[in-house]
Amino acid sequence: MACAAPRPRLELDGSKLGEALAALVRGAEDHGGIERYVAALQWKHALFRKALDAGRSRAVELPTFKTLCAHLPTVRRRMAACLDPATFPALRQRVSALLAAQGDAVDDRIAAFCAAFPDDRAHRWVRDLAAELLHAVDPQRHPPMARWVWDARANTGVLRELWYGEDVDHMLIDVPDRYDTFVVLREELAQFLADNGVFRDVLDYVDLLMAQVYSHYVSERAGSYLRADFTQPEDPLLHARRLLGLDAVDASGRTRLKAFDGTAFVVADAELLS
């Protein structure tokens, strides 16, 4: 019998975490406090569960799926070709298989989903789509696993921004970007939050803390692979909201999901969003 791989050991910098938490609290003060952001995340997860959980992904309609994709910031500018009426049935089948295979290892499910697309640089976003969908539908079981959290190939992400060391920018962090790594990262961030008095909605706070950490990187380092989706921030948490997909729909119903010609899709399903 093969032995299970050992759990990754993460060397996180407590001072960096403290600075990120303080910045998150300060930034949320002008927008109703962190509790408002927690409520927004919970609404987002409820939206995805309503549309995709318990086998509903097999019958989800294209307009509804477009609405969901507007809340997936790492993919919404890249997946227009999959949201055509002619190609969407194939994508819906792949999404349904991804979400239905609960007994399979998470890494295997993501790999199987990605294998249905071309294996090239232009389709690296497919892994983000799988990770975002799994987390959005079932955040208890699936921690955030998009490349902005940790991308071992590029050596970038939240993990690197929190890594302990004197010259992290020039350090190769030898930690795989597999499911166990993301689980351990979330556990350690949850423990940090508990040590700092956060005992409710901890998983939502972890998401917010991760977004705060990486949004600081986006603000400081122009040229990130997400930079094209982010303009200069108007407030301290603008980037964090975008990373979490909380900026998806404006007051007119226009979304940040773009068609090939650059126009924004418009949300038409008011009942889904209510």
C-alpha atoms as a PDB file:
ATOM      1  CA  MET A   1       0.000   0.000   0.000  1.00  0.00           C
ATOM      2  CA  ALA A   2       1.379   3.398  -0.984  1.00  0.00           C
ATOM      3  CA  CYS A   3       2.036   5.815   1.847  1.00  0.00           C
ATOM      4  CA  ALA A   4       0.240   9.134   1.815  1.00  0.00           C
ATOM      5  CA  ALA A   5       2.413  12.138   1.025  1.00  0.00           C
ATOM      6  CA  PRO A   6       3.468  14.066   4.127  1.00  0.00           C
ATOM      7  CA  ARG A   7       1.607  17.274   4.854  1.00  0.00           C
ATOM      8  CA  PRO A   8       3.500  20.323   3.608  1.00  0.00           C
ATOM      9  CA  ARG A   9       5.374  22.352   6.177  1.00  0.00           C
ATOM     10  CA  LEU A  10       4.790  26.070   5.720  1.00  0.00           C
ATOM     11  CA  GLU A  11       7.067  28.753   7.119  1.00  0.00           C
ATOM     12  CA  LEU A  12       4.815  31.780   7.503  1.00  0.00           C
ATOM     13  CA  ASP A  13       5.856  35.175   8.821  1.00  0.00           C
ATOM     14  CA  GLY A  14       3.679  36.213  11.762  1.00  0.00           C
ATOM     15  CA  SER A  15       4.617  39.886  11.415  1.00  0.00           C
ATOM     16  CA  LYS A  16       3.421  39.936   7.799  1.00  0.00           C
ATOM     17  CA  LEU A  17       0.149  38.349   8.864  1.00  0.00           C
ATOM     18  CA  GLY A  18      -0.288  40.928  11.589  1.00  0.00           C
ATOM     19  CA  GLU A  19       0.272  43.784   9.163  1.00  0.00           C
ATOM     20  CA  ALA A  20      -2.196  42.294   6.676  1.00  0.00           C
ATOM     21  CA  LEU A  21      -4.902  41.837   9.303  1.00  0.00           C
ATOM     22  CA  ALA A  22      -4.470  45.387  10.570  1.00  0.00           C
ATOM     23  CA  ALA A  23      -4.684  46.740   7.000  1.00  0.00           C
ATOM     24  CA  LEU A  24      -7.810  44.668   6.358  1.00  0.00           C
ATOM     25  CA  VAL A  25      -9.545  46.025   9.445  1.00  0.00           C
ATOM     26  CA  ARG A  26      -8.587  49.616   8.599  1.00  0.00           C
ATOM     27  CA  GLY A  27      -9.671  49.282   4.999  1.00  0.00           C
ATOM     28  CA  ALA A  28     -13.077  47.855   5.898  1.00  0.00           C
ATOM     29  CA  GLU A  29     -13.954  50.598   8.360  1.00  0.00           C
ATOM     30  CA  ASP A  30     -15.184  52.993   5.665  1.00  0.00           C
ATOM     31  CA  HIS A  31     -17.434  50.324   4.137  1.00  0.00           C
ATOM     32  CA  GLY A  32     -19.410  49.084   7.113  1.00  0.00           C
ATOM     33  CA  GLY A  33     -16.706  46.925   8.676  1.00  0.00           C
ATOM     34  CA  ILE A  34     -15.454  43.433   7.926  1.00  0.00           C
ATOM     35  CA  GLU A  35     -18.843  41.938   8.775  1.00  0.00           C
ATOM     36  CA  ARG A  36     -20.238  43.487   5.598  1.00  0.00           C
ATOM     37  CA  TYR A  37     -17.583  41.723   3.540  1.00  0.00           C
ATOM     38  CA  VAL A  38     -18.242  38.458   5.354  1.00  0.00           C
ATOM     39  CA  ALA A  39     -21.929  38.758   4.507  1.00  0.00           C
ATOM     40  CA  ALA A  40     -21.078  39.438   0.855  1.00  0.00           C
ATOM     41  CA  LEU A  41     -18.916  36.303   0.670  1.00  0.00           C
ATOM     42  CA  GLN A  42     -21.650  34.220   2.241  1.00  0.00           C
ATOM     43  CA  TRP A  43     -24.148  35.595  -0.294  1.00  0.00           C
ATOM     44  CA  LYS A  44     -21.782  34.675  -3.112  1.00  0.00           C
ATOM     45  CA  HIS A  45     -21.413  31.092  -1.869  1.00  0.00           C
ATOM     46  CA  ALA A  46     -25.198  30.811  -1.502  1.00  0.00           C
ATOM     47  CA  LEU A  47     -25.573  32.017  -5.093  1.00  0.00           C
ATOM     48  CA  PHE A  48     -23.271  29.265  -6.365  1.00  0.00           C
ATOM     49  CA  ARG A  49     -24.876  26.569  -4.233  1.00  0.00           C
ATOM     50  CA  LYS A  50     -28.322  27.539  -5.477  1.00  0.00           C
ATOM     51  CA  ALA A  51     -27.215  27.197  -9.094  1.00  0.00           C
ATOM     52  CA  LEU A  52     -24.729  24.308  -9.012  1.00  0.00           C
ATOM     53  CA  ASP A  53     -24.917  22.212  -5.832  1.00  0.00           C
ATOM     54  CA  ALA A  54     -26.688  18.859  -5.397  1.00  0.00           C
ATOM     55  CA  GLY A  55     -26.592  17.960  -9.073  1.00  0.00           C
ATOM     56  CA  ARG A  56     -28.091  21.228 -10.302  1.00  0.00           C
ATOM     57  CA  SER A  57     -24.960  21.888 -12.380  1.00  0.00           C
ATOM     58  CA  ARG A  58     -26.194  19.283 -14.898  1.00  0.00           C
ATOM     59  CA  ALA A  59     -29.096  21.551 -15.869  1.00  0.00           C
ATOM     60  CA  VAL A  60     -27.709  25.051 -15.258  1.00  0.00           C
ATOM     61  CA  GLU A  61     -28.608  27.420 -18.084  1.00  0.00           C
ATOM     62  CA  LEU A  62     -26.129  29.639 -19.883  1.00  0.00           C
ATOM     63  CA  PRO A  63     -27.474  33.001 -18.596  1.00  0.00           C
ATOM     64  CA  THR A  64     -27.243  31.760 -15.011  1.00  0.00           C
ATOM     65  CA  PHE A  65     -23.728  30.446 -15.542  1.00  0.00           C
ATOM     66  CA  LYS A  66     -22.672  33.783 -17.026  1.00  0.00           C
ATOM     67  CA  THR A  67     -23.931  35.461 -13.871  1.00  0.00           C
ATOM     68  CA  LEU A  68     -21.807  33.110 -11.786  1.00  0.00           C
ATOM     69  CA  CYS A  69     -18.729  33.643 -13.947  1.00  0.00           C
ATOM     70  CA  ALA A  70     -18.902  37.372 -13.322  1.00  0.00           C
ATOM     71  CA  HIS A  71     -18.001  36.511  -9.719  1.00  0.00           C
ATOM     72  CA  LEU A  72     -14.896  34.530 -10.774  1.00  0.00           C
ATOM     73  CA  PRO A  73     -12.267  37.241 -11.260  1.00  0.00           C
ATOM     74  CA  THR A  74      -9.394  35.015 -12.379  1.00  0.00           C
ATOM     75  CA  VAL A  75     -11.304  33.690 -15.396  1.00  0.00           C
ATOM     76  CA  ARG A  76     -14.075  36.109 -16.358  1.00  0.00           C
ATOM     77  CA  ARG A  77     -11.922  37.953 -18.933  1.00  0.00           C
ATOM     78  CA  ARG A  78     -10.599  34.752 -20.514  1.00  0.00           C
ATOM     79  CA  MET A  79     -13.454  32.317 -21.008  1.00  0.00           C
ATOM     80  CA  ALA A  80     -15.737  33.992 -23.551  1.00  0.00           C
ATOM     81  CA  ALA A  81     -15.251  31.150 -26.056  1.00  0.00           C
ATOM     82  CA  CYS A  82     -16.748  28.671 -23.576  1.00  0.00           C
ATOM     83  CA  LEU A  83     -19.847  30.792 -23.016  1.00  0.00           C
ATOM     84  CA  ASP A  84     -21.196  30.551 -26.535  1.00  0.00           C
ATOM     85  CA  PRO A  85     -24.482  28.614 -26.890  1.00  0.00           C
ATOM     86  CA  ALA A  86     -22.700  26.124 -29.165  1.00  0.00           C
ATOM     87  CA  THR A  87     -19.854  25.375 -26.760  1.00  0.00           C
ATOM     88  CA  PHE A  88     -21.534  25.787 -23.374  1.00  0.00           C
ATOM     89  CA  PRO A  89     -23.085  22.259 -23.205  1.00  0.00           C
ATOM     90  CA  ALA A  90     -19.582  20.744 -23.235  1.00  0.00           C
ATOM     91  CA  LEU A  91     -18.428  23.091 -20.485  1.00  0.00           C
ATOM     92  CA  ARG A  92     -21.544  22.368 -18.426  1.00  0.00           C
ATOM     93  CA  GLN A  93     -20.819  18.632 -18.650  1.00  0.00           C
ATOM     94  CA  ARG A  94     -17.239  19.168 -17.466  1.00  0.00           C
ATOM     95  CA  VAL A  95     -18.341  21.402 -14.591  1.00  0.00           C
ATOM     96  CA  SER A  96     -20.943  18.843 -13.537  1.00  0.00           C
ATOM     97  CA  ALA A  97     -18.311  16.072 -13.508  1.00  0.00           C
ATOM     98  CA  LEU A  98     -15.948  18.255 -11.475  1.00  0.00           C
ATOM     99  CA  LEU A  99     -18.555  18.989  -8.820  1.00  0.00           C
ATOM    100  CA  ALA A 100     -20.103  15.522  -8.746  1.00  0.00           C
ATOM    101  CA  ALA A 101     -16.925  13.488  -8.175  1.00  0.00           C
ATOM    102  CA  GLN A 102     -16.931  14.028  -4.416  1.00  0.00           C
ATOM    103  CA  GLY A 103     -15.241  10.692  -3.690  1.00  0.00           C
ATOM    104  CA  ASP A 104     -12.196  11.408  -5.862  1.00  0.00           C
ATOM    105  CA  ALA A 105      -9.098  13.228  -4.682  1.00  0.00           C
ATOM    106  CA  VAL A 106      -9.433  16.952  -5.273  1.00  0.00           C
ATOM    107  CA  ASP A 107      -6.167  17.164  -7.216  1.00  0.00           C
ATOM    108  CA  ASP A 108      -7.346  14.340  -9.491  1.00  0.00           C
ATOM    109  CA  ARG A 109     -10.682  16.058 -10.103  1.00  0.00           C
ATOM    110  CA  ILE A 110      -8.969  19.308 -11.045  1.00  0.00           C
ATOM    111  CA  ALA A 111      -6.519  17.457 -13.296  1.00  0.00           C
ATOM    112  CA  ALA A 112      -9.362  15.635 -15.054  1.00  0.00           C
ATOM    113  CA  PHE A 113     -11.188  18.921 -15.608  1.00  0.00           C
ATOM    114  CA  CYS A 114      -8.066  20.568 -17.044  1.00  0.00           C
ATOM    115  CA  ALA A 115      -7.354  17.570 -19.282  1.00  0.00           C
ATOM    116  CA  ALA A 116     -10.489  18.349 -21.296  1.00  0.00           C
ATOM    117  CA  PHE A 117      -8.891  21.610 -22.496  1.00  0.00           C
ATOM    118  CA  PRO A 118      -5.723  22.284 -24.504  1.00  0.00           C
ATOM    119  CA  ASP A 119      -2.557  22.047 -22.403  1.00  0.00           C
ATOM    120  CA  ASP A 120      -1.049  25.409 -23.305  1.00  0.00           C
ATOM    121  CA  ARG A 121      -0.367  28.780 -21.756  1.00  0.00           C
ATOM    122  CA  ALA A 122      -3.551  30.247 -23.195  1.00  0.00           C
ATOM    123  CA  HIS A 123      -5.601  27.820 -21.106  1.00  0.00           C
ATOM    124  CA  ARG A 124      -3.841  28.079 -17.733  1.00  0.00           C
ATOM    125  CA  TRP A 125      -6.974  29.862 -16.531  1.00  0.00           C
ATOM    126  CA  VAL A 126      -8.833  26.531 -16.674  1.00  0.00           C
ATOM    127  CA  ARG A 127      -7.231  25.401 -13.427  1.00  0.00           C
ATOM    128  CA  ASP A 128      -8.380  28.633 -11.802  1.00  0.00           C
ATOM    129  CA  LEU A 129     -11.911  27.980 -13.041  1.00  0.00           C
ATOM    130  CA  ALA A 130     -11.930  24.530 -11.439  1.00  0.00           C
ATOM    131  CA  ALA A 131     -10.492  25.860  -8.180  1.00  0.00           C
ATOM    132  CA  GLU A 132     -12.872  28.815  -8.036  1.00  0.00           C
ATOM    133  CA  LEU A 133     -15.942  26.677  -8.692  1.00  0.00           C
ATOM    134  CA  LEU A 134     -15.034  24.096  -6.057  1.00  0.00           C
ATOM    135  CA  HIS A 135     -14.462  26.779  -3.432  1.00  0.00           C
ATOM    136  CA  ALA A 136     -17.536  28.822  -4.364  1.00  0.00           C
ATOM    137  CA  VAL A 137     -19.895  25.844  -4.139  1.00  0.00           C
ATOM    138  CA  ASP A 138     -18.372  24.144  -1.076  1.00  0.00           C
ATOM    139  CA  PRO A 139     -16.003  26.458   0.830  1.00  0.00           C
ATOM    140  CA  GLN A 140     -15.959  24.169   3.861  1.00  0.00           C
ATOM    141  CA  ARG A 141     -14.361  21.311   1.916  1.00  0.00           C
ATOM    142  CA  HIS A 142     -12.376  23.282  -0.646  1.00  0.00           C
ATOM    143  CA  PRO A 143     -10.115  26.163   0.424  1.00  0.00           C
ATOM    144  CA  PRO A 144      -9.165  28.887  -2.065  1.00  0.00           C
ATOM    145  CA  MET A 145      -6.827  27.173  -4.552  1.00  0.00           C
ATOM    146  CA  ALA A 146      -6.500  29.643  -7.443  1.00  0.00           C
ATOM    147  CA  ARG A 147      -3.051  30.574  -8.703  1.00  0.00           C
ATOM    148  CA  TRP A 148      -3.116  33.875  -6.842  1.00  0.00           C
ATOM    149  CA  VAL A 149      -3.084  31.847  -3.620  1.00  0.00           C
ATOM    150  CA  TRP A 150      -0.098  29.746  -4.718  1.00  0.00           C
ATOM    151  CA  ASP A 151       1.388  28.962  -8.114  1.00  0.00           C
ATOM    152  CA  ALA A 152       4.433  26.719  -7.658  1.00  0.00           C
ATOM    153  CA  ARG A 153       5.443  27.023 -11.322  1.00  0.00           C
ATOM    154  CA  ALA A 154       5.585  30.814 -11.186  1.00  0.00           C
ATOM    155  CA  ASN A 155       6.653  30.926  -7.519  1.00  0.00           C
ATOM    156  CA  THR A 156       4.008  33.562  -6.808  1.00  0.00           C
ATOM    157  CA  GLY A 157       0.931  33.967  -4.673  1.00  0.00           C
ATOM    158  CA  VAL A 158      -0.245  34.557  -1.136  1.00  0.00           C
ATOM    159  CA  LEU A 159       2.050  31.818   0.133  1.00  0.00           C
ATOM    160  CA  ARG A 160       5.148  33.603  -1.109  1.00  0.00           C
ATOM    161  CA  GLU A 161       3.975  36.969   0.231  1.00  0.00           C
ATOM    162  CA  LEU A 162       3.648  35.406   3.710  1.00  0.00           C
ATOM    163  CA  TRP A 163       6.774  33.244   3.584  1.00  0.00           C
ATOM    164  CA  TYR A 164       9.334  33.799   6.313  1.00  0.00           C
ATOM    165  CA  GLY A 165      12.778  34.799   5.114  1.00  0.00           C
ATOM    166  CA  GLU A 166      15.120  37.700   4.544  1.00  0.00           C
ATOM    167  CA  ASP A 167      15.143  37.560   0.724  1.00  0.00           C
ATOM    168  CA  VAL A 168      11.883  35.914  -0.242  1.00  0.00           C
ATOM    169  CA  ASP A 169      11.741  37.719  -3.603  1.00  0.00           C
ATOM    170  CA  HIS A 170      14.770  35.705  -4.761  1.00  0.00           C
ATOM    171  CA  MET A 171      13.878  32.452  -3.025  1.00  0.00           C
ATOM    172  CA  LEU A 172      12.433  29.369  -4.704  1.00  0.00           C
ATOM    173  CA  ILE A 173       9.791  27.984  -2.348  1.00  0.00           C
ATOM    174  CA  ASP A 174       9.752  24.220  -2.751  1.00  0.00           C
ATOM    175  CA  VAL A 175       6.115  23.604  -1.862  1.00  0.00           C
ATOM    176  CA  PRO A 176       3.732  21.929  -4.331  1.00  0.00           C
ATOM    177  CA  ASP A 177       0.473  23.632  -5.265  1.00  0.00           C
ATOM    178  CA  ARG A 178      -1.650  20.635  -4.397  1.00  0.00           C
ATOM    179  CA  TYR A 179      -4.780  20.385  -2.271  1.00  0.00           C
ATOM    180  CA  ASP A 180      -2.928  19.526   0.948  1.00  0.00           C
ATOM    181  CA  THR A 181      -0.896  22.722   0.703  1.00  0.00           C
ATOM    182  CA  PHE A 182      -3.979  24.895   0.448  1.00  0.00           C
ATOM    183  CA  VAL A 183      -5.606  23.050   3.349  1.00  0.00           C
ATOM    184  CA  VAL A 184      -2.550  23.573   5.569  1.00  0.00           C
ATOM    185  CA  LEU A 185      -2.318  27.232   4.568  1.00  0.00           C
ATOM    186  CA  ARG A 186      -5.955  27.802   5.511  1.00  0.00           C
ATOM    187  CA  GLU A 187      -5.509  25.942   8.792  1.00  0.00           C
ATOM    188  CA  GLU A 188      -2.543  28.099   9.755  1.00  0.00           C
ATOM    189  CA  LEU A 189      -4.327  31.317   8.821  1.00  0.00           C
ATOM    190  CA  ALA A 190      -7.399  30.188  10.770  1.00  0.00           C
ATOM    191  CA  GLN A 191      -5.219  29.520  13.812  1.00  0.00           C
ATOM    192  CA  PHE A 192      -3.648  32.972  13.463  1.00  0.00           C
ATOM    193  CA  LEU A 193      -7.099  34.559  13.363  1.00  0.00           C
ATOM    194  CA  ALA A 194      -8.231  32.574  16.405  1.00  0.00           C
ATOM    195  CA  ASP A 195      -5.135  33.766  18.262  1.00  0.00           C
ATOM    196  CA  ASN A 196      -6.225  37.297  17.393  1.00  0.00           C
ATOM    197  CA  GLY A 197      -9.797  36.943  18.616  1.00  0.00           C
ATOM    198  CA  VAL A 198     -11.664  35.809  15.482  1.00  0.00           C
ATOM    199  CA  PHE A 199     -13.930  32.880  16.371  1.00  0.00           C
ATOM    200  CA  ARG A 200     -16.934  33.277  14.028  1.00  0.00           C
ATOM    201  CA  ASP A 201     -17.051  33.023  10.240  1.00  0.00           C
ATOM    202  CA  VAL A 202     -13.379  32.099  10.333  1.00  0.00           C
ATOM    203  CA  LEU A 203     -13.232  30.655   6.819  1.00  0.00           C
ATOM    204  CA  ASP A 204     -14.646  33.875   5.386  1.00  0.00           C
ATOM    205  CA  TYR A 205     -12.082  35.864   7.342  1.00  0.00           C
ATOM    206  CA  VAL A 206      -9.359  33.630   5.899  1.00  0.00           C
ATOM    207  CA  ASP A 207     -10.548  34.424   2.363  1.00  0.00           C
ATOM    208  CA  LEU A 208     -10.511  38.132   3.152  1.00  0.00           C
ATOM    209  CA  LEU A 209      -7.071  37.943   4.728  1.00  0.00           C
ATOM    210  CA  MET A 210      -5.662  36.100   1.715  1.00  0.00           C
ATOM    211  CA  ALA A 211      -7.175  38.673  -0.631  1.00  0.00           C
ATOM    212  CA  GLN A 212      -5.711  41.495   1.434  1.00  0.00           C
ATOM    213  CA  VAL A 213      -2.247  39.914   1.287  1.00  0.00           C
ATOM    214  CA  TYR A 214      -2.276  39.442  -2.467  1.00  0.00           C
ATOM    215  CA  SER A 215      -3.988  42.744  -3.230  1.00  0.00           C
ATOM    216  CA  HIS A 216      -1.038  44.439  -1.536  1.00  0.00           C
ATOM    217  CA  TYR A 217       1.253  42.586  -3.938  1.00  0.00           C
ATOM    218  CA  VAL A 218      -0.889  43.660  -6.921  1.00  0.00           C
ATOM    219  CA  SER A 219      -0.750  47.268  -5.761  1.00  0.00           C
ATOM    220  CA  GLU A 220       3.007  47.202  -5.251  1.00  0.00           C
ATOM    221  CA  ARG A 221       4.084  45.085  -8.224  1.00  0.00           C
ATOM    222  CA  ALA A 222       2.696  46.223 -11.575  1.00  0.00           C
ATOM    223  CA  GLY A 223       2.920  43.526 -14.207  1.00  0.00           C
ATOM    224  CA  SER A 224       1.247  40.724 -12.274  1.00  0.00           C
ATOM    225  CA  TYR A 225      -0.761  38.323 -14.452  1.00  0.00           C
ATOM    226  CA  LEU A 226      -3.880  39.798 -12.852  1.00  0.00           C
ATOM    227  CA  ARG A 227      -2.775  43.413 -13.315  1.00  0.00           C
ATOM    228  CA  ALA A 228      -4.689  43.895 -16.567  1.00  0.00           C
ATOM    229  CA  ASP A 229      -7.933  43.330 -14.666  1.00  0.00           C
ATOM    230  CA  PHE A 230      -7.108  45.854 -11.938  1.00  0.00           C
ATOM    231  CA  THR A 231      -6.807  49.609 -12.340  1.00  0.00           C
ATOM    232  CA  GLN A 232      -5.440  51.917  -9.689  1.00  0.00           C
ATOM    233  CA  PRO A 233      -7.442  51.434  -6.488  1.00  0.00           C
ATOM    234  CA  GLU A 234      -9.939  54.000  -5.326  1.00  0.00           C
ATOM    235  CA  ASP A 235      -9.925  52.623  -1.793  1.00  0.00           C
ATOM    236  CA  PRO A 236      -7.724  50.218   0.210  1.00  0.00           C
ATOM    237  CA  LEU A 237      -9.917  47.153  -0.393  1.00  0.00           C
ATOM    238  CA  LEU A 238     -10.704  47.608  -4.077  1.00  0.00           C
ATOM    239  CA  HIS A 239      -8.208  44.951  -5.182  1.00  0.00           C
ATOM    240  CA  ALA A 240      -9.315  42.589  -2.415  1.00  0.00           C
ATOM    241  CA  ARG A 241     -12.958  42.868  -3.501  1.00  0.00           C
ATOM    242  CA  ARG A 242     -11.949  42.113  -7.064  1.00  0.00           C
ATOM    243  CA  LEU A 243      -9.879  39.086  -6.104  1.00  0.00           C
ATOM    244  CA  LEU A 244     -12.921  37.680  -4.313  1.00  0.00           C
ATOM    245  CA  GLY A 245     -15.339  38.513  -7.114  1.00  0.00           C
ATOM    246  CA  LEU A 246     -17.369  40.928  -5.019  1.00  0.00           C
ATOM    247  CA  ASP A 247     -17.253  43.604  -7.704  1.00  0.00           C
ATOM    248  CA  ALA A 248     -19.096  41.525 -10.297  1.00  0.00           C
ATOM    249  CA  VAL A 249     -22.232  43.544 -11.006  1.00  0.00           C
ATOM    250  CA  ASP A 250     -22.753  47.288 -11.106  1.00  0.00           C
ATOM    251  CA  ALA A 251     -25.987  49.168 -10.444  1.00  0.00           C
ATOM    252  CA  SER A 252     -27.115  48.873 -14.084  1.00  0.00           C
ATOM    253  CA  GLY A 253     -26.688  45.101 -14.163  1.00  0.00           C
ATOM    254  CA  ARG A 254     -23.533  45.171 -16.291  1.00  0.00           C
ATOM    255  CA  THR A 255     -20.956  42.620 -15.236  1.00  0.00           C
ATOM    256  CA  ARG A 256     -17.187  42.322 -15.510  1.00  0.00           C
ATOM    257  CA  LEU A 257     -17.584  39.209 -17.633  1.00  0.00           C
ATOM    258  CA  LYS A 258     -16.498  40.213 -21.140  1.00  0.00           C
ATOM    259  CA  ALA A 259     -17.443  38.944 -24.576  1.00  0.00           C
ATOM    260  CA  PHE A 260     -14.880  38.676 -27.371  1.00  0.00           C
ATOM    261  CA  ASP A 261     -15.643  42.229 -28.539  1.00  0.00           C
ATOM    262  CA  GLY A 262     -15.005  43.606 -25.049  1.00  0.00           C
ATOM    263  CA  THR A 263     -18.619  44.369 -24.187  1.00  0.00           C
ATOM    264  CA  ALA A 264     -19.898  43.420 -20.751  1.00  0.00           C
ATOM    265  CA  PHE A 265     -22.616  40.849 -20.265  1.00  0.00           C
ATOM    266  CA  VAL A 266     -25.716  42.097 -18.471  1.00  0.00           C
ATOM    267  CA  VAL A 267     -27.374  40.166 -15.679  1.00  0.00           C
ATOM    268  CA  ALA A 268     -30.963  39.433 -16.626  1.00  0.00           C
ATOM    269  CA  ASP A 269     -31.907  36.872 -13.973  1.00  0.00           C
ATOM    270  CA  ALA A 270     -33.000  39.140 -11.127  1.00  0.00           C
ATOM    271  CA  GLU A 271     -34.421  36.248  -9.135  1.00  0.00           C
ATOM    272  CA  LEU A 272     -31.060  34.505  -9.004  1.00  0.00           C
ATOM    273  CA  LEU A 273     -29.409  37.622  -7.644  1.00  0.00           C
ATOM    274  CA  SER A 274     -32.116  38.482  -5.116  1.00  0.00           C
END
